[in-house]
Amino acid sequence: MFARRRRAPPDLLMESALATALWLILSAVLLVLVQRLVQQIMQQALFLLTGRVEWALFMYAFILLPGVILHEGSHWVTAKILRMRTGRMSLWPKLQREGTLRLGYVETERADFLRSSLVGVAPLVVAIVALLVLGQRLLHIDAVGLAIAGGEFDLAWQLAAQILGLPFAGLWIYLIFAVSNTMFPSASDRRSWPWVGMVLGVLLGITLVTGVGDWVVDAAGRPALRIAQTVALAFSMTIVVDAALLPGLALLNGLLRRVRGGLM
């Protein structure tokens, strides 16, 4: 006879879901804050280095080019898979009227909200997969994050030193930086998301009214939990990389300020 696979008790599943939700929210918020700081310092350093806004923006976009290619390529491939017509594609940076920087774009036809949402979220999904491959499989950055979370800072330094000694470690870290700093959907990518949220809300209401909520949680709760844990892990590894690069960028920015000040 085959042994039955034990299912986790509902209370245990709920506790794990709450912990994962907290982890995901905190890692997402912290990642956005760290990335904004890194991008701001890097753009300032490039402006101090070049002395011209146009050149600084071009160099900034060139540094993030692998991430831009992955981002826009994900839009294009997903649109083709969903049989949506595509138009022009650009990887050239352009400063918008509202002061934001557009690193690239892909023109796609207007379609139903589901296909438009899938095209919009594609870069984030592809980037998370790429970050997991680079950070977890190739560099094992997750071990550094776990050591830091556990307060074992000496172990974290040792693991970080081992990572830097791995073959092509510099290349993988650079790709993590480029991909993570271009992975979040733009405002135009999120245009159809409110409709998706509305549909999901309606479906959730139907499950609660009809009394099939327990069945839905049992069938979809665990896969959704694993997906959320995967996303949180990718965000956490990216925070480790960005935070490790932040002191060097800040030091470079300070040195360039001194040099610029001495030349004035």
Protein backbone atom coordinates (compact mmCIF):
# COMPACT_ATOMS: atom_id res chain seq x y z
CA MET A 1 0.00 0.00 0.00
CA PHE A 2 1.19 3.51 -0.76
CA ALA A 3 1.57 5.82 2.19
CA ARG A 4 -0.67 8.84 2.10
CA ARG A 5 1.03 12.17 1.81
CA ARG A 6 0.31 14.23 4.89
CA ARG A 7 -1.08 17.67 4.38
CA ALA A 8 -0.07 20.60 6.56
CA PRO A 9 -2.75 21.58 9.09
CA PRO A 10 -4.77 24.68 8.10
CA ASP A 11 -3.41 26.63 11.09
CA LEU A 12 0.17 25.83 10.10
CA LEU A 13 -0.54 26.81 6.50
CA MET A 14 -2.06 30.10 7.65
CA GLU A 15 0.94 30.87 9.87
CA SER A 16 3.31 30.14 6.98
CA ALA A 17 1.21 32.29 4.65
CA LEU A 18 1.27 35.24 7.07
CA ALA A 19 5.03 34.93 7.58
CA THR A 20 5.61 34.71 3.83
CA ALA A 21 3.33 37.71 3.18
CA LEU A 22 5.27 39.75 5.73
CA TRP A 23 8.58 38.64 4.21
CA LEU A 24 7.37 39.49 0.69
CA ILE A 25 6.04 42.93 1.65
CA LEU A 26 9.11 43.91 3.66
CA SER A 27 11.54 42.67 1.01
CA ALA A 28 9.63 44.47 -1.76
CA VAL A 29 9.52 47.77 0.16
CA LEU A 30 13.16 47.54 1.20
CA LEU A 31 14.22 46.62 -2.34
CA VAL A 32 12.45 49.64 -3.82
CA LEU A 33 14.06 51.96 -1.24
CA VAL A 34 17.55 50.50 -1.73
CA GLN A 35 17.25 50.57 -5.51
CA ARG A 36 16.11 54.20 -5.55
CA LEU A 37 19.09 55.15 -3.41
CA VAL A 38 21.51 53.16 -5.59
CA GLN A 39 20.10 54.62 -8.81
CA GLN A 40 20.20 58.16 -7.43
CA ILE A 41 23.82 57.85 -6.29
CA MET A 42 24.86 56.18 -9.56
CA GLN A 43 23.22 58.87 -11.69
CA GLN A 44 24.85 61.61 -9.62
CA ALA A 45 28.25 59.93 -9.96
CA LEU A 46 27.85 59.62 -13.73
CA PHE A 47 26.84 63.28 -14.01
CA LEU A 48 29.89 64.32 -11.96
CA LEU A 49 32.05 62.11 -14.16
CA THR A 50 30.75 63.37 -17.51
CA GLY A 51 29.57 66.89 -16.65
CA ARG A 52 26.56 66.57 -18.98
CA VAL A 53 23.09 65.18 -18.30
CA GLU A 54 22.79 63.55 -21.74
CA TRP A 55 26.06 61.65 -21.41
CA ALA A 56 25.27 60.63 -17.82
CA LEU A 57 21.89 59.21 -18.90
CA PHE A 58 23.47 57.37 -21.82
CA MET A 59 26.11 55.78 -19.58
CA TYR A 60 23.45 54.88 -17.00
CA ALA A 61 21.35 53.17 -19.67
CA PHE A 62 24.43 51.43 -21.09
CA ILE A 63 25.29 49.99 -17.66
CA LEU A 64 21.76 48.60 -17.30
CA LEU A 65 21.56 47.45 -20.95
CA PRO A 66 21.35 43.67 -20.21
CA GLY A 67 18.38 44.30 -17.95
CA VAL A 68 16.75 46.59 -20.51
CA ILE A 69 17.16 43.95 -23.23
CA LEU A 70 15.62 41.31 -20.94
CA HIS A 71 12.77 43.64 -19.96
CA GLU A 72 11.78 44.74 -23.45
CA GLY A 73 12.49 41.29 -24.91
CA SER A 74 10.08 39.76 -22.38
CA HIS A 75 7.37 42.16 -23.53
CA TRP A 76 8.02 41.32 -27.18
CA VAL A 77 8.17 37.53 -26.78
CA THR A 78 5.06 37.41 -24.58
CA ALA A 79 3.13 39.56 -27.04
CA LYS A 80 4.13 37.23 -29.87
CA ILE A 81 3.09 34.15 -27.87
CA LEU A 82 -0.29 35.75 -27.16
CA ARG A 83 -0.70 36.62 -30.88
CA MET A 84 -0.55 40.36 -30.37
CA ARG A 85 0.89 42.58 -33.08
CA THR A 86 4.09 44.42 -32.18
CA GLY A 87 5.52 47.62 -33.61
CA ARG A 88 8.69 49.53 -32.97
CA MET A 89 11.15 48.51 -30.29
CA SER A 90 13.78 50.81 -28.78
CA LEU A 91 16.61 50.31 -26.30
CA TRP A 92 17.69 53.97 -26.47
CA PRO A 93 17.24 56.05 -23.29
CA LYS A 94 15.04 59.11 -23.40
CA LEU A 95 14.25 61.70 -20.73
CA GLN A 96 10.48 62.22 -20.47
CA ARG A 97 8.69 65.53 -19.98
CA GLU A 98 7.77 64.68 -16.38
CA GLY A 99 11.46 64.16 -15.61
CA THR A 100 11.50 60.35 -15.61
CA LEU A 101 13.94 58.31 -17.68
CA ARG A 102 12.60 55.82 -20.22
CA LEU A 103 15.23 53.17 -20.89
CA GLY A 104 13.35 51.46 -23.72
CA TYR A 105 9.95 50.47 -25.06
CA VAL A 106 8.08 47.99 -27.24
CA GLU A 107 4.94 48.95 -29.11
CA THR A 108 2.14 46.36 -28.87
CA GLU A 109 -1.43 46.47 -30.06
CA ARG A 110 -4.23 47.19 -27.58
CA ALA A 111 -5.82 43.91 -26.52
CA ASP A 112 -8.07 42.54 -23.78
CA PHE A 113 -7.02 43.27 -20.22
CA LEU A 114 -5.84 39.71 -19.57
CA ARG A 115 -3.35 39.60 -22.44
CA SER A 116 -2.26 43.18 -21.79
CA SER A 117 -1.65 42.33 -18.12
CA LEU A 118 0.38 39.25 -19.04
CA VAL A 119 2.54 41.31 -21.39
CA GLY A 120 2.97 43.95 -18.69
CA VAL A 121 4.01 41.52 -15.94
CA ALA A 122 6.25 39.36 -18.15
CA PRO A 123 9.51 41.27 -17.44
CA LEU A 124 9.03 40.90 -13.68
CA VAL A 125 8.41 37.15 -13.96
CA VAL A 126 11.36 36.57 -16.31
CA ALA A 127 13.63 38.75 -14.16
CA ILE A 128 12.73 36.80 -11.00
CA VAL A 129 13.62 33.53 -12.74
CA ALA A 130 16.91 35.03 -13.96
CA LEU A 131 17.73 36.38 -10.48
CA LEU A 132 17.08 32.99 -8.89
CA VAL A 133 19.35 31.27 -11.41
CA LEU A 134 22.12 33.85 -10.98
CA GLY A 135 21.82 34.44 -7.26
CA GLN A 136 20.82 31.04 -5.93
CA ARG A 137 22.18 28.51 -8.39
CA LEU A 138 25.40 30.21 -9.47
CA LEU A 139 26.40 32.41 -6.52
CA HIS A 140 24.45 31.02 -3.53
CA ILE A 141 23.70 34.54 -2.28
CA ASP A 142 20.69 33.15 -0.40
CA ALA A 143 23.12 31.61 2.10
CA VAL A 144 24.57 35.07 2.81
CA GLY A 145 21.09 36.46 3.36
CA LEU A 146 20.19 33.65 5.78
CA ALA A 147 23.42 34.24 7.72
CA ILE A 148 22.66 37.97 8.00
CA ALA A 149 19.06 37.28 9.03
CA GLY A 150 20.33 34.93 11.73
CA GLY A 151 22.81 37.50 13.07
CA GLU A 152 25.81 35.39 11.99
CA PHE A 153 27.76 38.26 10.44
CA ASP A 154 31.14 36.52 10.57
CA LEU A 155 29.70 33.62 8.60
CA ALA A 156 28.11 36.09 6.15
CA TRP A 157 31.53 37.70 5.51
CA GLN A 158 33.09 34.28 4.96
CA LEU A 159 30.37 33.25 2.52
CA ALA A 160 30.63 36.58 0.68
CA ALA A 161 34.39 36.11 0.32
CA GLN A 162 33.82 32.64 -1.10
CA ILE A 163 31.29 34.03 -3.58
CA LEU A 164 33.77 36.63 -4.83
CA GLY A 165 36.24 33.80 -5.48
CA LEU A 166 33.85 31.89 -7.73
CA PRO A 167 34.47 31.84 -11.51
CA PHE A 168 32.80 34.78 -13.30
CA ALA A 169 31.45 36.07 -9.95
CA GLY A 170 31.89 39.68 -11.07
CA LEU A 171 29.88 39.05 -14.24
CA TRP A 172 27.03 37.32 -12.39
CA ILE A 173 26.86 40.12 -9.79
CA TYR A 174 26.78 42.74 -12.55
CA LEU A 175 23.94 40.90 -14.31
CA ILE A 176 21.98 40.66 -11.05
CA PHE A 177 22.42 44.41 -10.62
CA ALA A 178 21.38 45.21 -14.20
CA VAL A 179 18.38 42.86 -14.24
CA SER A 180 17.06 43.80 -10.80
CA ASN A 181 17.23 47.54 -11.49
CA THR A 182 15.10 47.20 -14.62
CA MET A 183 12.63 44.47 -13.63
CA PHE A 184 9.73 46.44 -12.17
CA PRO A 185 6.83 47.22 -14.57
CA SER A 186 6.40 50.80 -15.70
CA ALA A 187 3.17 52.79 -15.39
CA SER A 188 2.14 51.76 -18.91
CA ASP A 189 2.85 48.10 -18.07
CA ARG A 190 0.48 48.34 -15.09
CA ARG A 191 -2.32 49.92 -17.08
CA SER A 192 -4.52 46.79 -17.14
CA TRP A 193 -3.78 45.58 -13.62
CA PRO A 194 -6.83 47.22 -11.97
CA TRP A 195 -9.10 45.14 -14.24
CA VAL A 196 -7.29 41.97 -13.22
CA GLY A 197 -7.62 42.93 -9.57
CA MET A 198 -11.34 43.52 -10.07
CA VAL A 199 -11.82 40.09 -11.66
CA LEU A 200 -9.83 38.40 -8.89
CA GLY A 201 -11.92 40.23 -6.31
CA VAL A 202 -15.13 39.01 -7.94
CA LEU A 203 -13.83 35.44 -8.03
CA LEU A 204 -12.83 35.68 -4.37
CA GLY A 205 -16.31 36.94 -3.50
CA ILE A 206 -17.90 34.03 -5.39
CA THR A 207 -15.78 31.48 -3.53
CA LEU A 208 -16.76 33.00 -0.18
CA VAL A 209 -20.48 33.16 -1.02
CA THR A 210 -20.66 29.63 -2.46
CA GLY A 211 -18.70 28.11 0.40
CA VAL A 212 -15.92 26.62 -1.73
CA GLY A 213 -13.25 28.76 -0.09
CA ASP A 214 -11.73 25.83 1.82
CA TRP A 215 -11.38 23.81 -1.38
CA VAL A 216 -9.73 26.75 -3.17
CA VAL A 217 -7.30 27.28 -0.31
CA ASP A 218 -6.45 23.58 -0.23
CA ALA A 219 -5.93 23.42 -4.01
CA ALA A 220 -4.24 26.74 -4.69
CA GLY A 221 -2.94 27.86 -1.30
CA ARG A 222 0.25 25.82 -1.25
CA PRO A 223 1.33 26.59 -4.85
CA ALA A 224 0.61 30.29 -4.24
CA LEU A 225 2.65 30.11 -1.04
CA ARG A 226 5.63 28.59 -2.86
CA ILE A 227 5.42 31.27 -5.57
CA ALA A 228 5.35 34.03 -2.95
CA GLN A 229 8.34 32.51 -1.15
CA THR A 230 10.24 32.32 -4.44
CA VAL A 231 9.55 35.97 -5.23
CA ALA A 232 10.53 37.04 -1.71
CA LEU A 233 13.78 35.06 -1.99
CA ALA A 234 14.62 36.75 -5.31
CA PHE A 235 13.93 40.18 -3.80
CA SER A 236 16.03 39.39 -0.71
CA MET A 237 19.03 38.25 -2.76
CA THR A 238 18.80 41.42 -4.83
CA ILE A 239 18.79 43.53 -1.67
CA VAL A 240 22.01 41.81 -0.57
CA VAL A 241 23.70 42.63 -3.91
CA ASP A 242 22.50 46.25 -4.05
CA ALA A 243 23.36 46.86 -0.40
CA ALA A 244 26.85 45.45 -0.96
CA LEU A 245 27.43 47.78 -3.92
CA LEU A 246 25.99 50.84 -2.18
CA PRO A 247 29.09 51.78 -0.08
CA GLY A 248 31.35 51.61 -3.14
CA LEU A 249 29.01 53.79 -5.17
CA ALA A 250 28.72 56.29 -2.32
CA LEU A 251 32.52 56.42 -1.99
CA LEU A 252 32.92 56.96 -5.74
CA ASN A 253 30.30 59.70 -5.63
CA GLY A 254 32.11 61.43 -2.77
CA LEU A 255 35.48 61.26 -4.53
CA LEU A 256 34.04 62.67 -7.75
CA ARG A 257 32.45 65.52 -5.80
CA ARG A 258 35.84 66.38 -4.30
CA VAL A 259 37.57 66.23 -7.67
CA ARG A 260 34.84 68.39 -9.26
CA GLY A 261 35.04 70.83 -6.38
CA GLY A 262 38.82 71.08 -6.77
CA LEU A 263 38.50 71.80 -10.48
CA MET A 264 35.98 74.60 -10.05
